[in-house]
Amino acid sequence: MNKPTSHFEEGGPSQEPQSTSEREKQERVVEILRLVEKINESGAPLPFPGIPQETYLKMKADENEAPGYTTPIDEIIFRCQREGIKVITGRHPGSGGVFILPAGSDDCDMDSILPRQLAVEAVENEHLARLIQLKTKN
């Protein structure tokens, strides 16, 4: 009997070799998911490293263009400073989507910021710093 093939195996169902870029993307997603797991091992919130001024100003401009689309960034920052942060994967972890939330929130749609929006130089957790570096390469 033949072994069933998985979409995650090299070549997918057609068994054609994956391109180098597809393989690199898949390896990057695996590393991202491994980092999220490491970050969340303790279950404790991480300290909020802040957001660079340039990034903050862009977020405020986006917020002013679409008020009410998400929780105001000032409120998200305040909550992150007060509660700490947590790192979660999106609805489809295999895509490599990762979000930063205030530790007390589960609302990825309204309360999230992206890892690349954090001030990486102020990050204390080595796994979070690496995650930010990977997500900044998008």
C-alpha atoms as a PDB file:
ATOM      1  CA  MET A   1       0.000   0.000   0.000  1.00  0.00           C
ATOM      2  CA  ASN A   2       1.308   3.477  -0.893  1.00  0.00           C
ATOM      3  CA  LYS A   3       1.930   6.007   1.835  1.00  0.00           C
ATOM      4  CA  PRO A   4      -0.509   8.938   1.556  1.00  0.00           C
ATOM      5  CA  THR A   5       1.175  12.201   0.695  1.00  0.00           C
ATOM      6  CA  SER A   6       0.795  15.327   2.728  1.00  0.00           C
ATOM      7  CA  HIS A   7       0.627  18.871   1.418  1.00  0.00           C
ATOM      8  CA  PHE A   8       3.454  19.621   3.838  1.00  0.00           C
ATOM      9  CA  GLU A   9       5.798  17.031   2.395  1.00  0.00           C
ATOM     10  CA  GLU A  10       8.291  18.210  -0.137  1.00  0.00           C
ATOM     11  CA  GLY A  11       6.605  18.519  -3.479  1.00  0.00           C
ATOM     12  CA  GLY A  12       3.031  18.415  -2.154  1.00  0.00           C
ATOM     13  CA  PRO A  13       0.496  16.108  -3.767  1.00  0.00           C
ATOM     14  CA  SER A  14       2.015  16.262  -7.278  1.00  0.00           C
ATOM     15  CA  GLN A  15       5.444  15.252  -5.905  1.00  0.00           C
ATOM     16  CA  GLU A  16       7.164  17.960  -7.951  1.00  0.00           C
ATOM     17  CA  PRO A  17      10.156  19.420  -6.120  1.00  0.00           C
ATOM     18  CA  GLN A  18       9.468  22.646  -4.247  1.00  0.00           C
ATOM     19  CA  SER A  19      11.220  25.741  -5.443  1.00  0.00           C
ATOM     20  CA  THR A  20      13.940  27.164  -3.245  1.00  0.00           C
ATOM     21  CA  SER A  21      11.762  30.162  -2.348  1.00  0.00           C
ATOM     22  CA  GLU A  22       8.858  27.910  -1.317  1.00  0.00           C
ATOM     23  CA  ARG A  23      11.175  25.786   0.808  1.00  0.00           C
ATOM     24  CA  GLU A  24      12.715  28.903   2.411  1.00  0.00           C
ATOM     25  CA  LYS A  25       9.254  30.300   3.153  1.00  0.00           C
ATOM     26  CA  GLN A  26       8.173  27.028   4.743  1.00  0.00           C
ATOM     27  CA  GLU A  27      11.361  26.896   6.856  1.00  0.00           C
ATOM     28  CA  ARG A  28      10.790  30.510   7.925  1.00  0.00           C
ATOM     29  CA  VAL A  29       7.201  29.728   9.015  1.00  0.00           C
ATOM     30  CA  VAL A  30       8.449  26.744  11.027  1.00  0.00           C
ATOM     31  CA  GLU A  31      11.028  28.975  12.744  1.00  0.00           C
ATOM     32  CA  ILE A  32       8.391  31.639  13.461  1.00  0.00           C
ATOM     33  CA  LEU A  33       6.057  29.068  15.040  1.00  0.00           C
ATOM     34  CA  ARG A  34       8.933  27.618  17.089  1.00  0.00           C
ATOM     35  CA  LEU A  35       9.787  31.113  18.364  1.00  0.00           C
ATOM     36  CA  VAL A  36       6.162  31.832  19.329  1.00  0.00           C
ATOM     37  CA  GLU A  37       6.102  28.545  21.249  1.00  0.00           C
ATOM     38  CA  LYS A  38       9.355  29.443  23.055  1.00  0.00           C
ATOM     39  CA  ILE A  39       8.087  32.955  23.861  1.00  0.00           C
ATOM     40  CA  ASN A  40       4.904  31.534  25.371  1.00  0.00           C
ATOM     41  CA  GLU A  41       6.501  28.638  27.300  1.00  0.00           C
ATOM     42  CA  SER A  42       6.323  30.376  30.675  1.00  0.00           C
ATOM     43  CA  GLY A  43       2.815  31.714  30.174  1.00  0.00           C
ATOM     44  CA  ALA A  44       3.917  35.009  31.732  1.00  0.00           C
ATOM     45  CA  PRO A  45       3.391  38.314  29.903  1.00  0.00           C
ATOM     46  CA  LEU A  46       6.469  39.964  28.426  1.00  0.00           C
ATOM     47  CA  PRO A  47       7.416  43.580  29.127  1.00  0.00           C
ATOM     48  CA  PHE A  48       6.281  45.994  26.437  1.00  0.00           C
ATOM     49  CA  PRO A  49       9.375  47.347  24.643  1.00  0.00           C
ATOM     50  CA  GLY A  50       7.605  50.334  23.144  1.00  0.00           C
ATOM     51  CA  ILE A  51       7.137  51.480  19.571  1.00  0.00           C
ATOM     52  CA  PRO A  52       9.604  53.685  17.660  1.00  0.00           C
ATOM     53  CA  GLN A  53       8.381  57.265  17.191  1.00  0.00           C
ATOM     54  CA  GLU A  54       8.287  56.997  13.375  1.00  0.00           C
ATOM     55  CA  THR A  55       6.179  53.832  13.574  1.00  0.00           C
ATOM     56  CA  TYR A  56       3.873  55.395  16.155  1.00  0.00           C
ATOM     57  CA  LEU A  57       3.273  58.445  13.953  1.00  0.00           C
ATOM     58  CA  LYS A  58       2.396  56.219  10.987  1.00  0.00           C
ATOM     59  CA  MET A  59       0.012  54.188  13.163  1.00  0.00           C
ATOM     60  CA  LYS A  60      -1.653  57.413  14.363  1.00  0.00           C
ATOM     61  CA  ALA A  61      -2.019  58.640  10.770  1.00  0.00           C
ATOM     62  CA  ASP A  62      -3.597  55.313   9.760  1.00  0.00           C
ATOM     63  CA  GLU A  63      -5.906  55.523  12.762  1.00  0.00           C
ATOM     64  CA  ASN A  64      -6.997  59.052  11.782  1.00  0.00           C
ATOM     65  CA  GLU A  65      -7.805  57.855   8.242  1.00  0.00           C
ATOM     66  CA  ALA A  66     -10.008  55.032   9.522  1.00  0.00           C
ATOM     67  CA  PRO A  67     -11.259  55.928  13.017  1.00  0.00           C
ATOM     68  CA  GLY A  68     -12.941  53.071  14.870  1.00  0.00           C
ATOM     69  CA  TYR A  69     -11.444  50.397  12.623  1.00  0.00           C
ATOM     70  CA  THR A  70      -9.317  49.162  15.542  1.00  0.00           C
ATOM     71  CA  THR A  71      -8.812  50.079  19.170  1.00  0.00           C
ATOM     72  CA  PRO A  72      -6.993  53.437  19.296  1.00  0.00           C
ATOM     73  CA  ILE A  73      -3.231  52.909  19.339  1.00  0.00           C
ATOM     74  CA  ASP A  74      -2.804  55.038  22.462  1.00  0.00           C
ATOM     75  CA  GLU A  75      -5.173  52.708  24.314  1.00  0.00           C
ATOM     76  CA  ILE A  76      -3.347  49.615  23.021  1.00  0.00           C
ATOM     77  CA  ILE A  77       0.002  51.076  24.110  1.00  0.00           C
ATOM     78  CA  PHE A  78      -1.364  51.978  27.556  1.00  0.00           C
ATOM     79  CA  ARG A  79      -2.726  48.461  28.030  1.00  0.00           C
ATOM     80  CA  CYS A  80       0.540  46.885  26.815  1.00  0.00           C
ATOM     81  CA  GLN A  81       2.512  49.014  29.277  1.00  0.00           C
ATOM     82  CA  ARG A  82       0.145  48.136  32.136  1.00  0.00           C
ATOM     83  CA  GLU A  83      -0.523  44.446  31.365  1.00  0.00           C
ATOM     84  CA  GLY A  84       2.561  43.389  29.444  1.00  0.00           C
ATOM     85  CA  ILE A  85       2.262  41.691  26.069  1.00  0.00           C
ATOM     86  CA  LYS A  86       1.630  38.276  24.642  1.00  0.00           C
ATOM     87  CA  VAL A  87       2.409  36.850  21.227  1.00  0.00           C
ATOM     88  CA  ILE A  88      -0.188  34.880  19.295  1.00  0.00           C
ATOM     89  CA  THR A  89      -0.465  33.302  15.886  1.00  0.00           C
ATOM     90  CA  GLY A  90      -3.252  34.315  13.556  1.00  0.00           C
ATOM     91  CA  ARG A  91      -6.252  32.179  12.653  1.00  0.00           C
ATOM     92  CA  HIS A  92      -4.088  30.222  10.202  1.00  0.00           C
ATOM     93  CA  PRO A  93      -0.795  29.490  11.990  1.00  0.00           C
ATOM     94  CA  GLY A  94       0.668  27.834   8.891  1.00  0.00           C
ATOM     95  CA  SER A  95       0.763  31.236   7.210  1.00  0.00           C
ATOM     96  CA  GLY A  96       3.255  32.554   9.768  1.00  0.00           C
ATOM     97  CA  GLY A  97       1.007  35.431  10.808  1.00  0.00           C
ATOM     98  CA  VAL A  98       1.899  36.633  14.314  1.00  0.00           C
ATOM     99  CA  PHE A  99       0.409  39.404  16.422  1.00  0.00           C
ATOM    100  CA  ILE A 100       1.271  41.232  19.627  1.00  0.00           C
ATOM    101  CA  LEU A 101      -1.603  41.843  22.052  1.00  0.00           C
ATOM    102  CA  PRO A 102      -1.981  43.349  25.492  1.00  0.00           C
ATOM    103  CA  ALA A 103      -1.685  40.359  27.853  1.00  0.00           C
ATOM    104  CA  GLY A 104      -5.340  40.658  28.914  1.00  0.00           C
ATOM    105  CA  SER A 105      -6.760  40.665  25.370  1.00  0.00           C
ATOM    106  CA  ASP A 106      -7.769  37.918  22.985  1.00  0.00           C
ATOM    107  CA  ASP A 107      -9.064  40.304  20.312  1.00  0.00           C
ATOM    108  CA  CYS A 108      -6.583  39.966  17.470  1.00  0.00           C
ATOM    109  CA  ASP A 109      -8.760  42.031  15.130  1.00  0.00           C
ATOM    110  CA  MET A 110      -9.067  45.108  17.354  1.00  0.00           C
ATOM    111  CA  ASP A 111      -6.135  45.101  19.797  1.00  0.00           C
ATOM    112  CA  SER A 112      -3.152  43.797  17.865  1.00  0.00           C
ATOM    113  CA  ILE A 113       0.055  45.332  16.687  1.00  0.00           C
ATOM    114  CA  LEU A 114       2.611  43.673  14.451  1.00  0.00           C
ATOM    115  CA  PRO A 115       5.953  42.412  15.727  1.00  0.00           C
ATOM    116  CA  ARG A 116       7.817  44.669  13.275  1.00  0.00           C
ATOM    117  CA  GLN A 117       6.151  47.686  14.926  1.00  0.00           C
ATOM    118  CA  LEU A 118       7.928  47.053  18.245  1.00  0.00           C
ATOM    119  CA  ALA A 119      11.169  48.756  19.271  1.00  0.00           C
ATOM    120  CA  VAL A 120      13.449  45.745  18.765  1.00  0.00           C
ATOM    121  CA  GLU A 121      16.404  47.414  20.507  1.00  0.00           C
ATOM    122  CA  ALA A 122      14.392  47.508  23.762  1.00  0.00           C
ATOM    123  CA  VAL A 123      13.254  43.865  23.643  1.00  0.00           C
ATOM    124  CA  GLU A 124      14.568  41.783  26.550  1.00  0.00           C
ATOM    125  CA  ASN A 125      13.438  38.342  25.340  1.00  0.00           C
ATOM    126  CA  GLU A 126      15.865  36.865  22.792  1.00  0.00           C
ATOM    127  CA  HIS A 127      13.127  34.822  21.086  1.00  0.00           C
ATOM    128  CA  LEU A 128      10.917  37.899  20.645  1.00  0.00           C
ATOM    129  CA  ALA A 129      13.876  39.855  19.263  1.00  0.00           C
ATOM    130  CA  ARG A 130      14.532  37.105  16.690  1.00  0.00           C
ATOM    131  CA  LEU A 131      10.819  36.953  15.811  1.00  0.00           C
ATOM    132  CA  ILE A 132      10.787  40.703  15.191  1.00  0.00           C
ATOM    133  CA  GLN A 133      13.837  40.371  12.949  1.00  0.00           C
ATOM    134  CA  LEU A 134      12.160  37.600  10.932  1.00  0.00           C
ATOM    135  CA  LYS A 135       8.870  39.488  10.622  1.00  0.00           C
ATOM    136  CA  THR A 136      10.656  42.705   9.599  1.00  0.00           C
ATOM    137  CA  LYS A 137      12.116  40.858   6.589  1.00  0.00           C
ATOM    138  CA  ASN A 138       8.608  40.464   5.063  1.00  0.00           C
END
